[in-house]
Amino acid sequence: DGYRAVLNRKTIGLGLTVFVEMKVGKHSRDNAAALQQALMALPEVVSCHMVSGASDFLAEVVVPDLEAYERLITDKILTLPTIEDVRSNFAIRTVKSNGPLPLGHLAK
């Protein structure tokens, strides 16, 4: 799909990675689309997935520190349309990131 530079997050001052689980209040196609657009517009959200289970969306958020995350949650994420619940999982250490895609199935 394209090329990009992979930067060391800590080196450029983005030392906190948070995986944010979000639950939507009123499920509908329109609400999901509105939330998706809002999440895509946040530069701190570096990846986001619609998931099944206890939450509806899982976003990977990168910020400089806890204070920046608090501002993001308070001023932006909690104001997003139809958000009912937010749970934050703070990364302690990155074990693997940006790994290559498993392409073994193409060799068959």
PDB file of N, CA and C in Angstrom:
ATOM      1  N   ASP A   1       0.799  -1.203   0.000  1.00  0.00           N
ATOM      2  CA  ASP A   1       0.000   0.000   0.000  1.00  0.00           C
ATOM      3  C   ASP A   1       0.842   1.268   0.000  1.00  0.00           C
ATOM      4  N   GLY A   2       2.111   1.165   0.380  1.00  0.00           N
ATOM      5  CA  GLY A   2       2.945   2.364   0.414  1.00  0.00           C
ATOM      6  C   GLY A   2       4.208   2.131   1.215  1.00  0.00           C
ATOM      7  N   TYR A   3       4.985   3.176   1.333  1.00  0.00           N
ATOM      8  CA  TYR A   3       6.226   3.129   2.091  1.00  0.00           C
ATOM      9  C   TYR A   3       6.157   4.178   3.190  1.00  0.00           C
ATOM     10  N   ARG A   4       6.913   3.939   4.279  1.00  0.00           N
ATOM     11  CA  ARG A   4       6.962   4.902   5.367  1.00  0.00           C
ATOM     12  C   ARG A   4       8.235   4.718   6.163  1.00  0.00           C
ATOM     13  N   ALA A   5       8.582   5.761   6.868  1.00  0.00           N
ATOM     14  CA  ALA A   5       9.722   5.679   7.776  1.00  0.00           C
ATOM     15  C   ALA A   5       9.218   5.183   9.124  1.00  0.00           C
ATOM     16  N   VAL A   6       9.952   4.298   9.754  1.00  0.00           N
ATOM     17  CA  VAL A   6       9.610   3.818  11.085  1.00  0.00           C
ATOM     18  C   VAL A   6      10.551   4.500  12.067  1.00  0.00           C
ATOM     19  N   LEU A   7       9.995   5.379  12.885  1.00  0.00           N
ATOM     20  CA  LEU A   7      10.784   6.167  13.823  1.00  0.00           C
ATOM     21  C   LEU A   7      10.732   5.556  15.214  1.00  0.00           C
ATOM     22  N   ASN A   8      11.793   5.747  15.979  1.00  0.00           N
ATOM     23  CA  ASN A   8      11.817   5.310  17.366  1.00  0.00           C
ATOM     24  C   ASN A   8      10.956   6.280  18.166  1.00  0.00           C
ATOM     25  N   ARG A   9       9.870   5.778  18.723  1.00  0.00           N
ATOM     26  CA  ARG A   9       8.900   6.636  19.410  1.00  0.00           C
ATOM     27  C   ARG A   9       9.525   7.388  20.581  1.00  0.00           C
ATOM     28  N   LYS A  10      10.323   6.704  21.372  1.00  0.00           N
ATOM     29  CA  LYS A  10      10.939   7.364  22.529  1.00  0.00           C
ATOM     30  C   LYS A  10      11.905   8.453  22.101  1.00  0.00           C
ATOM     31  N   THR A  11      12.676   8.183  21.057  1.00  0.00           N
ATOM     32  CA  THR A  11      13.662   9.147  20.577  1.00  0.00           C
ATOM     33  C   THR A  11      13.003  10.453  20.147  1.00  0.00           C
ATOM     34  N   ILE A  12      11.815  10.381  19.584  1.00  0.00           N
ATOM     35  CA  ILE A  12      11.144  11.600  19.118  1.00  0.00           C
ATOM     36  C   ILE A  12      10.136  12.141  20.143  1.00  0.00           C
ATOM     37  N   GLY A  13      10.213  11.651  21.380  1.00  0.00           N
ATOM     38  CA  GLY A  13       9.399  12.213  22.452  1.00  0.00           C
ATOM     39  C   GLY A  13       8.006  11.643  22.597  1.00  0.00           C
ATOM     40  N   LEU A  14       7.749  10.478  22.019  1.00  0.00           N
ATOM     41  CA  LEU A  14       6.454   9.822  22.160  1.00  0.00           C
ATOM     42  C   LEU A  14       6.629   8.556  22.986  1.00  0.00           C
ATOM     43  N   GLY A  15       6.825   8.743  24.286  1.00  0.00           N
ATOM     44  CA  GLY A  15       7.205   7.646  25.164  1.00  0.00           C
ATOM     45  C   GLY A  15       6.088   6.806  25.725  1.00  0.00           C
ATOM     46  N   LEU A  16       4.833   7.162  25.468  1.00  0.00           N
ATOM     47  CA  LEU A  16       3.726   6.407  26.053  1.00  0.00           C
ATOM     48  C   LEU A  16       2.820   5.850  24.963  1.00  0.00           C
ATOM     49  N   THR A  17       2.666   4.527  24.964  1.00  0.00           N
ATOM     50  CA  THR A  17       1.739   3.850  24.058  1.00  0.00           C
ATOM     51  C   THR A  17       0.603   3.283  24.901  1.00  0.00           C
ATOM     52  N   VAL A  18      -0.616   3.566  24.476  1.00  0.00           N
ATOM     53  CA  VAL A  18      -1.800   3.115  25.208  1.00  0.00           C
ATOM     54  C   VAL A  18      -2.740   2.418  24.230  1.00  0.00           C
ATOM     55  N   PHE A  19      -3.238   1.268  24.630  1.00  0.00           N
ATOM     56  CA  PHE A  19      -4.250   0.573  23.853  1.00  0.00           C
ATOM     57  C   PHE A  19      -5.595   0.887  24.500  1.00  0.00           C
ATOM     58  N   VAL A  20      -6.447   1.569  23.747  1.00  0.00           N
ATOM     59  CA  VAL A  20      -7.692   2.102  24.284  1.00  0.00           C
ATOM     60  C   VAL A  20      -8.864   1.293  23.743  1.00  0.00           C
ATOM     61  N   GLU A  21      -9.604   0.677  24.658  1.00  0.00           N
ATOM     62  CA  GLU A  21     -10.810  -0.063  24.303  1.00  0.00           C
ATOM     63  C   GLU A  21     -12.000   0.866  24.460  1.00  0.00           C
ATOM     64  N   MET A  22     -12.837   0.939  23.437  1.00  0.00           N
ATOM     65  CA  MET A  22     -14.004   1.809  23.480  1.00  0.00           C
ATOM     66  C   MET A  22     -15.265   1.014  23.191  1.00  0.00           C
ATOM     67  N   LYS A  23     -16.272   1.261  24.010  1.00  0.00           N
ATOM     68  CA  LYS A  23     -17.574   0.629  23.816  1.00  0.00           C
ATOM     69  C   LYS A  23     -18.548   1.698  23.339  1.00  0.00           C
ATOM     70  N   VAL A  24     -19.310   1.346  22.312  1.00  0.00           N
ATOM     71  CA  VAL A  24     -20.291   2.257  21.723  1.00  0.00           C
ATOM     72  C   VAL A  24     -21.629   2.059  22.414  1.00  0.00           C
ATOM     73  N   GLY A  25     -22.323   3.162  22.689  1.00  0.00           N
ATOM     74  CA  GLY A  25     -23.611   3.094  23.382  1.00  0.00           C
ATOM     75  C   GLY A  25     -24.739   2.589  22.509  1.00  0.00           C
ATOM     76  N   LYS A  26     -25.021   3.271  21.432  1.00  0.00           N
ATOM     77  CA  LYS A  26     -26.140   2.900  20.569  1.00  0.00           C
ATOM     78  C   LYS A  26     -25.579   2.367  19.264  1.00  0.00           C
ATOM     79  N   HIS A  27     -25.678   1.054  19.086  1.00  0.00           N
ATOM     80  CA  HIS A  27     -25.118   0.431  17.896  1.00  0.00           C
ATOM     81  C   HIS A  27     -25.961   0.716  16.664  1.00  0.00           C
ATOM     82  N   SER A  28     -25.319   1.287  15.681  1.00  0.00           N
ATOM     83  CA  SER A  28     -25.943   1.476  14.375  1.00  0.00           C
ATOM     84  C   SER A  28     -24.831   1.716  13.369  1.00  0.00           C
ATOM     85  N   ARG A  29     -25.146   1.539  12.129  1.00  0.00           N
ATOM     86  CA  ARG A  29     -24.160   1.764  11.066  1.00  0.00           C
ATOM     87  C   ARG A  29     -23.699   3.221  11.069  1.00  0.00           C
ATOM     88  N   ASP A  30     -24.625   4.155  11.260  1.00  0.00           N
ATOM     89  CA  ASP A  30     -24.286   5.580  11.257  1.00  0.00           C
ATOM     90  C   ASP A  30     -23.387   5.944  12.437  1.00  0.00           C
ATOM     91  N   ASN A  31     -23.703   5.407  13.623  1.00  0.00           N
ATOM     92  CA  ASN A  31     -22.878   5.695  14.801  1.00  0.00           C
ATOM     93  C   ASN A  31     -21.475   5.134  14.641  1.00  0.00           C
ATOM     94  N   ALA A  32     -21.375   3.932  14.104  1.00  0.00           N
ATOM     95  CA  ALA A  32     -20.055   3.327  13.884  1.00  0.00           C
ATOM     96  C   ALA A  32     -19.253   4.144  12.881  1.00  0.00           C
ATOM     97  N   ALA A  33     -19.900   4.592  11.824  1.00  0.00           N
ATOM     98  CA  ALA A  33     -19.207   5.393  10.803  1.00  0.00           C
ATOM     99  C   ALA A  33     -18.751   6.729  11.377  1.00  0.00           C
ATOM    100  N   ALA A  34     -19.585   7.362  12.189  1.00  0.00           N
ATOM    101  CA  ALA A  34     -19.221   8.647  12.789  1.00  0.00           C
ATOM    102  C   ALA A  34     -18.038   8.487  13.736  1.00  0.00           C
ATOM    103  N   LEU A  35     -18.048   7.424  14.525  1.00  0.00           N
ATOM    104  CA  LEU A  35     -16.944   7.187  15.453  1.00  0.00           C
ATOM    105  C   LEU A  35     -15.663   6.863  14.690  1.00  0.00           C
ATOM    106  N   GLN A  36     -15.763   6.054  13.644  1.00  0.00           N
ATOM    107  CA  GLN A  36     -14.587   5.727  12.835  1.00  0.00           C
ATOM    108  C   GLN A  36     -13.957   6.984  12.248  1.00  0.00           C
ATOM    109  N   GLN A  37     -14.761   7.869  11.709  1.00  0.00           N
ATOM    110  CA  GLN A  37     -14.244   9.110  11.131  1.00  0.00           C
ATOM    111  C   GLN A  37     -13.572   9.971  12.189  1.00  0.00           C
ATOM    112  N   ALA A  38     -14.189  10.052  13.364  1.00  0.00           N
ATOM    113  CA  ALA A  38     -13.616  10.860  14.449  1.00  0.00           C
ATOM    114  C   ALA A  38     -12.282  10.292  14.908  1.00  0.00           C
ATOM    115  N   LEU A  39     -12.177   8.981  15.026  1.00  0.00           N
ATOM    116  CA  LEU A  39     -10.927   8.348  15.454  1.00  0.00           C
ATOM    117  C   LEU A  39      -9.839   8.505  14.399  1.00  0.00           C
ATOM    118  N   MET A  40     -10.200   8.399  13.141  1.00  0.00           N
ATOM    119  CA  MET A  40      -9.221   8.563  12.063  1.00  0.00           C
ATOM    120  C   MET A  40      -8.648   9.975  12.041  1.00  0.00           C
ATOM    121  N   ALA A  41      -9.405  10.948  12.515  1.00  0.00           N
ATOM    122  CA  ALA A  41      -8.963  12.340  12.500  1.00  0.00           C
ATOM    123  C   ALA A  41      -8.006  12.677  13.651  1.00  0.00           C
ATOM    124  N   LEU A  42      -7.877  11.798  14.632  1.00  0.00           N
ATOM    125  CA  LEU A  42      -6.982  12.060  15.767  1.00  0.00           C
ATOM    126  C   LEU A  42      -5.571  11.598  15.427  1.00  0.00           C
ATOM    127  N   PRO A  43      -4.600  12.499  15.353  1.00  0.00           N
ATOM    128  CA  PRO A  43      -3.235  12.092  14.999  1.00  0.00           C
ATOM    129  C   PRO A  43      -2.589  11.172  16.033  1.00  0.00           C
ATOM    130  N   GLU A  44      -3.046  11.223  17.265  1.00  0.00           N
ATOM    131  CA  GLU A  44      -2.486  10.359  18.317  1.00  0.00           C
ATOM    132  C   GLU A  44      -2.879   8.897  18.124  1.00  0.00           C
ATOM    133  N   VAL A  45      -3.945   8.649  17.390  1.00  0.00           N
ATOM    134  CA  VAL A  45      -4.399   7.281  17.109  1.00  0.00           C
ATOM    135  C   VAL A  45      -3.615   6.781  15.902  1.00  0.00           C
ATOM    136  N   VAL A  46      -2.682   5.860  16.143  1.00  0.00           N
ATOM    137  CA  VAL A  46      -1.830   5.364  15.056  1.00  0.00           C
ATOM    138  C   VAL A  46      -2.376   4.094  14.413  1.00  0.00           C
ATOM    139  N   SER A  47      -3.277   3.407  15.108  1.00  0.00           N
ATOM    140  CA  SER A  47      -3.998   2.291  14.505  1.00  0.00           C
ATOM    141  C   SER A  47      -5.310   2.122  15.256  1.00  0.00           C
ATOM    142  N   CYS A  48      -6.300   1.595  14.546  1.00  0.00           N
ATOM    143  CA  CYS A  48      -7.605   1.418  15.171  1.00  0.00           C
ATOM    144  C   CYS A  48      -8.321   0.265  14.476  1.00  0.00           C
ATOM    145  N   HIS A  49      -9.006  -0.528  15.269  1.00  0.00           N
ATOM    146  CA  HIS A  49      -9.697  -1.708  14.747  1.00  0.00           C
ATOM    147  C   HIS A  49     -11.091  -1.793  15.346  1.00  0.00           C
ATOM    148  N   MET A  50     -12.073  -2.182  14.531  1.00  0.00           N
ATOM    149  CA  MET A  50     -13.381  -2.564  15.048  1.00  0.00           C
ATOM    150  C   MET A  50     -13.220  -4.013  15.480  1.00  0.00           C
ATOM    151  N   VAL A  51     -13.593  -4.326  16.718  1.00  0.00           N
ATOM    152  CA  VAL A  51     -13.354  -5.660  17.265  1.00  0.00           C
ATOM    153  C   VAL A  51     -14.636  -6.247  17.844  1.00  0.00           C
ATOM    154  N   SER A  52     -14.605  -7.541  18.079  1.00  0.00           N
ATOM    155  CA  SER A  52     -15.707  -8.191  18.775  1.00  0.00           C
ATOM    156  C   SER A  52     -15.271  -8.455  20.205  1.00  0.00           C
ATOM    157  N   GLY A  53     -16.227  -8.665  21.070  1.00  0.00           N
ATOM    158  CA  GLY A  53     -15.904  -8.915  22.467  1.00  0.00           C
ATOM    159  C   GLY A  53     -16.465  -7.841  23.371  1.00  0.00           C
ATOM    160  N   ALA A  54     -15.771  -7.562  24.466  1.00  0.00           N
ATOM    161  CA  ALA A  54     -16.261  -6.608  25.462  1.00  0.00           C
ATOM    162  C   ALA A  54     -16.275  -5.175  24.949  1.00  0.00           C
ATOM    163  N   SER A  55     -15.387  -4.856  24.009  1.00  0.00           N
ATOM    164  CA  SER A  55     -15.366  -3.508  23.446  1.00  0.00           C
ATOM    165  C   SER A  55     -15.699  -3.570  21.957  1.00  0.00           C
ATOM    166  N   ASP A  56     -15.926  -2.402  21.377  1.00  0.00           N
ATOM    167  CA  ASP A  56     -16.279  -2.327  19.956  1.00  0.00           C
ATOM    168  C   ASP A  56     -15.120  -1.847  19.096  1.00  0.00           C
ATOM    169  N   PHE A  57     -14.264  -0.995  19.659  1.00  0.00           N
ATOM    170  CA  PHE A  57     -13.095  -0.473  18.952  1.00  0.00           C
ATOM    171  C   PHE A  57     -11.872  -0.599  19.841  1.00  0.00           C
ATOM    172  N   LEU A  58     -10.742  -0.880  19.217  1.00  0.00           N
ATOM    173  CA  LEU A  58      -9.461  -0.924  19.912  1.00  0.00           C
ATOM    174  C   LEU A  58      -8.510  -0.003  19.163  1.00  0.00           C
ATOM    175  N   ALA A  59      -8.040   1.029  19.843  1.00  0.00           N
ATOM    176  CA  ALA A  59      -7.158   2.013  19.222  1.00  0.00           C
ATOM    177  C   ALA A  59      -5.789   1.975  19.888  1.00  0.00           C
ATOM    178  N   GLU A  60      -4.749   2.082  19.071  1.00  0.00           N
ATOM    179  CA  GLU A  60      -3.391   2.244  19.585  1.00  0.00           C
ATOM    180  C   GLU A  60      -3.096   3.738  19.559  1.00  0.00           C
ATOM    181  N   VAL A  61      -2.805   4.281  20.722  1.00  0.00           N
ATOM    182  CA  VAL A  61      -2.582   5.711  20.892  1.00  0.00           C
ATOM    183  C   VAL A  61      -1.142   5.941  21.316  1.00  0.00           C
ATOM    184  N   VAL A  62      -0.494   6.943  20.719  1.00  0.00           N
ATOM    185  CA  VAL A  62       0.890   7.284  21.059  1.00  0.00           C
ATOM    186  C   VAL A  62       0.933   8.758  21.456  1.00  0.00           C
ATOM    187  N   VAL A  63       1.443   9.019  22.661  1.00  0.00           N
ATOM    188  CA  VAL A  63       1.539  10.377  23.198  1.00  0.00           C
ATOM    189  C   VAL A  63       2.853  10.531  23.957  1.00  0.00           C
ATOM    190  N   PRO A  64       3.252  11.777  24.244  1.00  0.00           N
ATOM    191  CA  PRO A  64       4.511  11.985  24.967  1.00  0.00           C
ATOM    192  C   PRO A  64       4.507  11.424  26.388  1.00  0.00           C
ATOM    193  N   ASP A  65       3.403  11.606  27.123  1.00  0.00           N
ATOM    194  CA  ASP A  65       3.405  11.235  28.533  1.00  0.00           C
ATOM    195  C   ASP A  65       1.970  11.095  29.045  1.00  0.00           C
ATOM    196  N   LEU A  66       1.850  10.776  30.330  1.00  0.00           N
ATOM    197  CA  LEU A  66       0.542  10.559  30.940  1.00  0.00           C
ATOM    198  C   LEU A  66      -0.324  11.826  30.911  1.00  0.00           C
ATOM    199  N   GLU A  67       0.279  12.973  31.097  1.00  0.00           N
ATOM    200  CA  GLU A  67      -0.481  14.224  31.066  1.00  0.00           C
ATOM    201  C   GLU A  67      -1.094  14.449  29.680  1.00  0.00           C
ATOM    202  N   ALA A  68      -0.337  14.161  28.640  1.00  0.00           N
ATOM    203  CA  ALA A  68      -0.857  14.300  27.273  1.00  0.00           C
ATOM    204  C   ALA A  68      -1.986  13.307  27.037  1.00  0.00           C
ATOM    205  N   TYR A  69      -1.866  12.100  27.580  1.00  0.00           N
ATOM    206  CA  TYR A  69      -2.931  11.115  27.422  1.00  0.00           C
ATOM    207  C   TYR A  69      -4.193  11.566  28.158  1.00  0.00           C
ATOM    208  N   GLU A  70      -4.015  12.125  29.341  1.00  0.00           N
ATOM    209  CA  GLU A  70      -5.168  12.630  30.091  1.00  0.00           C
ATOM    210  C   GLU A  70      -5.907  13.707  29.290  1.00  0.00           C
ATOM    211  N   ARG A  71      -5.173  14.617  28.668  1.00  0.00           N
ATOM    212  CA  ARG A  71      -5.801  15.652  27.840  1.00  0.00           C
ATOM    213  C   ARG A  71      -6.535  15.036  26.648  1.00  0.00           C
ATOM    214  N   LEU A  72      -5.895  14.052  26.010  1.00  0.00           N
ATOM    215  CA  LEU A  72      -6.523  13.389  24.862  1.00  0.00           C
ATOM    216  C   LEU A  72      -7.829  12.714  25.271  1.00  0.00           C
ATOM    217  N   ILE A  73      -7.797  11.971  26.369  1.00  0.00           N
ATOM    218  CA  ILE A  73      -8.996  11.280  26.844  1.00  0.00           C
ATOM    219  C   ILE A  73     -10.089  12.280  27.214  1.00  0.00           C
ATOM    220  N   THR A  74      -9.728  13.253  28.019  1.00  0.00           N
ATOM    221  CA  THR A  74     -10.717  14.204  28.543  1.00  0.00           C
ATOM    222  C   THR A  74     -11.282  15.114  27.464  1.00  0.00           C
ATOM    223  N   ASP A  75     -10.407  15.676  26.632  1.00  0.00           N
ATOM    224  CA  ASP A  75     -10.837  16.687  25.668  1.00  0.00           C
ATOM    225  C   ASP A  75     -11.326  16.125  24.340  1.00  0.00           C
ATOM    226  N   LYS A  76     -10.880  14.924  23.984  1.00  0.00           N
ATOM    227  CA  LYS A  76     -11.225  14.417  22.658  1.00  0.00           C
ATOM    228  C   LYS A  76     -11.972  13.086  22.686  1.00  0.00           C
ATOM    229  N   ILE A  77     -11.387  12.053  23.262  1.00  0.00           N
ATOM    230  CA  ILE A  77     -11.985  10.713  23.154  1.00  0.00           C
ATOM    231  C   ILE A  77     -13.321  10.625  23.877  1.00  0.00           C
ATOM    232  N   LEU A  78     -13.402  11.148  25.096  1.00  0.00           N
ATOM    233  CA  LEU A  78     -14.665  11.067  25.832  1.00  0.00           C
ATOM    234  C   LEU A  78     -15.759  11.949  25.242  1.00  0.00           C
ATOM    235  N   THR A  79     -15.400  12.830  24.315  1.00  0.00           N
ATOM    236  CA  THR A  79     -16.405  13.666  23.659  1.00  0.00           C
ATOM    237  C   THR A  79     -16.846  13.091  22.313  1.00  0.00           C
ATOM    238  N   LEU A  80     -16.274  11.963  21.912  1.00  0.00           N
ATOM    239  CA  LEU A  80     -16.636  11.362  20.626  1.00  0.00           C
ATOM    240  C   LEU A  80     -18.071  10.842  20.654  1.00  0.00           C
ATOM    241  N   PRO A  81     -18.719  10.806  19.494  1.00  0.00           N
ATOM    242  CA  PRO A  81     -20.124  10.388  19.448  1.00  0.00           C
ATOM    243  C   PRO A  81     -20.313   8.940  19.892  1.00  0.00           C
ATOM    244  N   THR A  82     -21.317   8.727  20.705  1.00  0.00           N
ATOM    245  CA  THR A  82     -21.808   7.422  21.175  1.00  0.00           C
ATOM    246  C   THR A  82     -20.843   6.647  22.070  1.00  0.00           C
ATOM    247  N   ILE A  83     -19.750   7.240  22.538  1.00  0.00           N
ATOM    248  CA  ILE A  83     -18.843   6.515  23.435  1.00  0.00           C
ATOM    249  C   ILE A  83     -19.545   6.281  24.767  1.00  0.00           C
ATOM    250  N   GLU A  84     -19.597   5.020  25.173  1.00  0.00           N
ATOM    251  CA  GLU A  84     -20.242   4.652  26.432  1.00  0.00           C
ATOM    252  C   GLU A  84     -19.214   4.308  27.502  1.00  0.00           C
ATOM    253  N   ASP A  85     -18.114   3.690  27.100  1.00  0.00           N
ATOM    254  CA  ASP A  85     -17.109   3.261  28.067  1.00  0.00           C
ATOM    255  C   ASP A  85     -15.739   3.269  27.400  1.00  0.00           C
ATOM    256  N   VAL A  86     -14.723   3.637  28.167  1.00  0.00           N
ATOM    257  CA  VAL A  86     -13.349   3.656  27.679  1.00  0.00           C
ATOM    258  C   VAL A  86     -12.471   2.960  28.709  1.00  0.00           C
ATOM    259  N   ARG A  87     -11.620   2.064  28.248  1.00  0.00           N
ATOM    260  CA  ARG A  87     -10.657   1.377  29.123  1.00  0.00           C
ATOM    261  C   ARG A  87      -9.276   1.516  28.511  1.00  0.00           C
ATOM    262  N   SER A  88      -8.324   1.857  29.348  1.00  0.00           N
ATOM    263  CA  SER A  88      -6.965   2.118  28.882  1.00  0.00           C
ATOM    264  C   SER A  88      -6.018   1.025  29.353  1.00  0.00           C
ATOM    265  N   ASN A  89      -5.199   0.519  28.424  1.00  0.00           N
ATOM    266  CA  ASN A  89      -4.174  -0.474  28.722  1.00  0.00           C
ATOM    267  C   ASN A  89      -2.833   0.124  28.330  1.00  0.00           C
ATOM    268  N   PHE A  90      -1.989   0.391  29.322  1.00  0.00           N
ATOM    269  CA  PHE A  90      -0.716   1.054  29.086  1.00  0.00           C
ATOM    270  C   PHE A  90       0.368   0.032  28.755  1.00  0.00           C
ATOM    271  N   ALA A  91       1.090   0.270  27.673  1.00  0.00           N
ATOM    272  CA  ALA A  91       2.184  -0.622  27.287  1.00  0.00           C
ATOM    273  C   ALA A  91       3.355  -0.403  28.244  1.00  0.00           C
ATOM    274  N   ILE A  92       3.844  -1.481  28.814  1.00  0.00           N
ATOM    275  CA  ILE A  92       5.003  -1.423  29.699  1.00  0.00           C
ATOM    276  C   ILE A  92       6.283  -1.553  28.875  1.00  0.00           C
ATOM    277  N   ARG A  93       6.246  -2.456  27.906  1.00  0.00           N
ATOM    278  CA  ARG A  93       7.395  -2.673  27.026  1.00  0.00           C
ATOM    279  C   ARG A  93       6.872  -3.196  25.698  1.00  0.00           C
ATOM    280  N   THR A  94       7.471  -2.758  24.609  1.00  0.00           N
ATOM    281  CA  THR A  94       7.122  -3.284  23.292  1.00  0.00           C
ATOM    282  C   THR A  94       7.978  -4.498  23.017  1.00  0.00           C
ATOM    283  N   VAL A  95       7.344  -5.617  22.799  1.00  0.00           N
ATOM    284  CA  VAL A  95       8.048  -6.862  22.515  1.00  0.00           C
ATOM    285  C   VAL A  95       8.240  -7.018  21.010  1.00  0.00           C
ATOM    286  N   LYS A  96       7.215  -6.699  20.239  1.00  0.00           N
ATOM    287  CA  LYS A  96       7.293  -6.784  18.783  1.00  0.00           C
ATOM    288  C   LYS A  96       6.352  -5.751  18.191  1.00  0.00           C
ATOM    289  N   SER A  97       6.836  -5.036  17.218  1.00  0.00           N
ATOM    290  CA  SER A  97       6.029  -4.017  16.569  1.00  0.00           C
ATOM    291  C   SER A  97       6.434  -3.914  15.110  1.00  0.00           C
ATOM    292  N   ASN A  98       5.468  -3.622  14.263  1.00  0.00           N
ATOM    293  CA  ASN A  98       5.738  -3.447  12.837  1.00  0.00           C
ATOM    294  C   ASN A  98       6.418  -4.652  12.202  1.00  0.00           C
ATOM    295  N   GLY A  99       6.035  -5.843  12.637  1.00  0.00           N
ATOM    296  CA  GLY A  99       6.609  -7.049  12.059  1.00  0.00           C
ATOM    297  C   GLY A  99       6.158  -7.239  10.620  1.00  0.00           C
ATOM    298  N   PRO A 100       6.893  -8.040   9.860  1.00  0.00           N
ATOM    299  CA  PRO A 100       6.503  -8.302   8.475  1.00  0.00           C
ATOM    300  C   PRO A 100       5.222  -9.133   8.431  1.00  0.00           C
ATOM    301  N   LEU A 101       4.471  -8.992   7.356  1.00  0.00           N
ATOM    302  CA  LEU A 101       3.266  -9.786   7.192  1.00  0.00           C
ATOM    303  C   LEU A 101       3.639 -11.243   6.933  1.00  0.00           C
ATOM    304  N   PRO A 102       2.858 -12.196   7.477  1.00  0.00           N
ATOM    305  CA  PRO A 102       3.139 -13.609   7.235  1.00  0.00           C
ATOM    306  C   PRO A 102       2.639 -14.004   5.847  1.00  0.00           C
ATOM    307  N   LEU A 103       3.536 -14.152   4.899  1.00  0.00           N
ATOM    308  CA  LEU A 103       3.160 -14.382   3.496  1.00  0.00           C
ATOM    309  C   LEU A 103       3.309 -15.837   3.048  1.00  0.00           C
ATOM    310  N   GLY A 104       3.497 -16.742   3.988  1.00  0.00           N
ATOM    311  CA  GLY A 104       3.679 -18.150   3.661  1.00  0.00           C
ATOM    312  C   GLY A 104       2.526 -18.755   2.895  1.00  0.00           C
ATOM    313  N   HIS A 105       1.333 -18.298   3.082  1.00  0.00           N
ATOM    314  CA  HIS A 105       0.151 -18.830   2.389  1.00  0.00           C
ATOM    315  C   HIS A 105       0.203 -18.549   0.880  1.00  0.00           C
ATOM    316  N   LEU A 106       1.009 -17.562   0.456  1.00  0.00           N
ATOM    317  CA  LEU A 106       1.102 -17.232  -0.966  1.00  0.00           C
ATOM    318  C   LEU A 106       1.960 -18.237  -1.732  1.00  0.00           C
ATOM    319  N   ALA A 107       2.797 -18.987  -1.027  1.00  0.00           N
ATOM    320  CA  ALA A 107       3.707 -19.938  -1.667  1.00  0.00           C
ATOM    321  C   ALA A 107       3.000 -21.237  -2.055  1.00  0.00           C
ATOM    322  N   LYS A 108       1.788 -21.435  -1.626  1.00  0.00           N
ATOM    323  CA  LYS A 108       1.063 -22.691  -1.883  1.00  0.00           C
ATOM    324  C   LYS A 108       0.571 -22.781  -3.299  1.00  0.00           C
TER     325      LYS A 108
END
